[in-house]
Protein backbone atom coordinates (compact mmCIF):
# COMPACT_ATOMS: atom_id res chain seq x y z
CA MET A 1 -4.12 9.00 2.33
CA THR A 2 -3.68 12.69 3.07
CA SER A 3 -1.42 14.84 0.95
CA GLY A 4 0.95 14.69 3.94
CA GLY A 5 1.16 10.89 3.70
CA ILE A 6 -1.12 9.87 6.60
CA ALA A 7 -3.37 6.91 5.79
CA ILE A 8 -7.01 7.02 6.91
CA ARG A 9 -9.29 4.05 6.29
CA LEU A 10 -12.53 5.37 4.79
CA VAL A 11 -15.14 3.05 6.30
CA PRO A 12 -18.67 4.00 5.15
CA ALA A 13 -20.16 6.28 7.80
CA GLY A 14 -23.36 4.22 7.86
CA GLU A 15 -21.40 1.21 9.10
CA LEU A 16 -19.91 2.99 12.12
CA SER A 17 -21.34 3.10 15.65
CA CYS A 18 -21.46 6.39 17.56
CA SER A 19 -18.20 5.57 19.33
CA ASP A 20 -16.61 4.58 16.00
CA LEU A 21 -17.80 7.85 14.40
CA HIS A 22 -16.36 9.81 17.33
CA ALA A 23 -13.04 7.97 17.02
CA LYS A 24 -12.92 8.49 13.24
CA ILE A 25 -13.51 12.23 13.65
CA ASP A 26 -10.66 12.36 16.16
CA GLU A 27 -8.42 10.32 13.85
CA ILE A 28 -9.06 12.63 10.91
CA ASP A 29 -8.71 15.75 13.05
CA ALA A 30 -5.35 14.51 14.35
CA THR A 31 -3.90 14.52 10.82
CA GLY A 32 -4.10 18.31 10.67
CA TYR A 33 -4.82 18.09 6.94
CA ARG A 34 -7.06 21.17 7.05
CA GLY A 35 -5.21 23.20 9.62
CA LEU A 36 -7.66 25.83 10.83
CA ARG A 37 -9.37 26.08 7.45
CA ALA A 38 -12.94 25.05 6.77
CA GLY A 39 -11.77 23.06 3.75
CA PRO A 40 -8.67 21.20 2.67
CA ARG A 41 -5.46 23.12 2.02
CA ASP A 42 -4.43 20.72 -0.74
CA PRO A 43 -6.83 19.67 -3.53
CA ARG A 44 -5.59 16.08 -3.14
CA ASP A 45 -7.34 16.01 0.24
CA ARG A 46 -10.80 16.70 -1.23
CA ARG A 47 -11.89 13.06 -0.90
CA LEU A 48 -10.89 13.00 2.78
CA PHE A 49 -12.73 16.28 3.35
CA GLU A 50 -15.89 14.86 1.77
CA TYR A 51 -15.54 11.72 3.89
CA GLU A 52 -14.97 13.78 7.04
CA SER A 53 -18.11 15.76 6.26
CA ALA A 54 -20.15 12.57 5.81
CA VAL A 55 -18.85 11.13 9.10
CA ALA A 56 -19.51 14.40 10.96
CA ASN A 57 -23.01 14.70 9.53
CA ARG A 58 -23.79 11.09 10.46
CA TYR A 59 -22.40 11.63 13.96
CA TYR A 60 -24.41 14.79 14.50
CA SER A 61 -27.67 13.40 13.11
CA SER A 62 -27.40 10.00 14.81
CA CYS A 63 -25.36 10.56 17.95
CA ALA A 64 -24.82 14.16 19.05
CA SER A 65 -28.49 15.06 18.77
CA ALA A 66 -29.23 12.05 20.99
CA GLY A 67 -27.21 13.51 23.87
CA ASN A 68 -23.57 12.70 23.13
CA ASN A 69 -20.89 15.21 24.01
CA ARG A 70 -20.59 17.42 20.89
CA ALA A 71 -23.49 19.82 20.68
CA SER A 72 -23.44 21.24 17.16
CA ALA A 73 -22.43 20.30 13.64
CA THR A 74 -19.70 22.95 13.58
CA GLU A 75 -18.18 21.67 16.83
CA ILE A 76 -17.85 18.22 15.28
CA LEU A 77 -15.36 19.56 12.76
CA ARG A 78 -13.63 21.40 15.56
CA GLY A 79 -10.23 21.56 13.94
CA GLY A 80 -11.44 23.85 11.17
CA PHE A 81 -14.59 25.66 12.17
CA LYS A 82 -14.31 28.28 14.85
CA PRO A 83 -17.27 30.47 15.89
CA ARG A 84 -16.97 34.05 14.74
CA ALA A 85 -16.87 36.60 17.55
CA THR A 86 -19.96 38.80 17.63
CA SER A 87 -20.17 42.35 18.84
CA ASN A 88 -23.09 43.78 20.77
């Protein structure tokens, strides 16, 4: 459960199919528990953050690199990681 009271079932990432991983990422992202931060705002959300990282890593290594729609590891955690603007 997030510090905001939203329950997320933490199914081991290795047991999830690519579509399940994608759905779990969306479910976690929809809670807004991180806001736009790279990590959790509240220390009570550390476990969820670690789980989200495991799911995202599994998705990227098993699914995204095989041609699914999210192209990079940072895009998978799209609610918190935004590319930094570069200057020429």
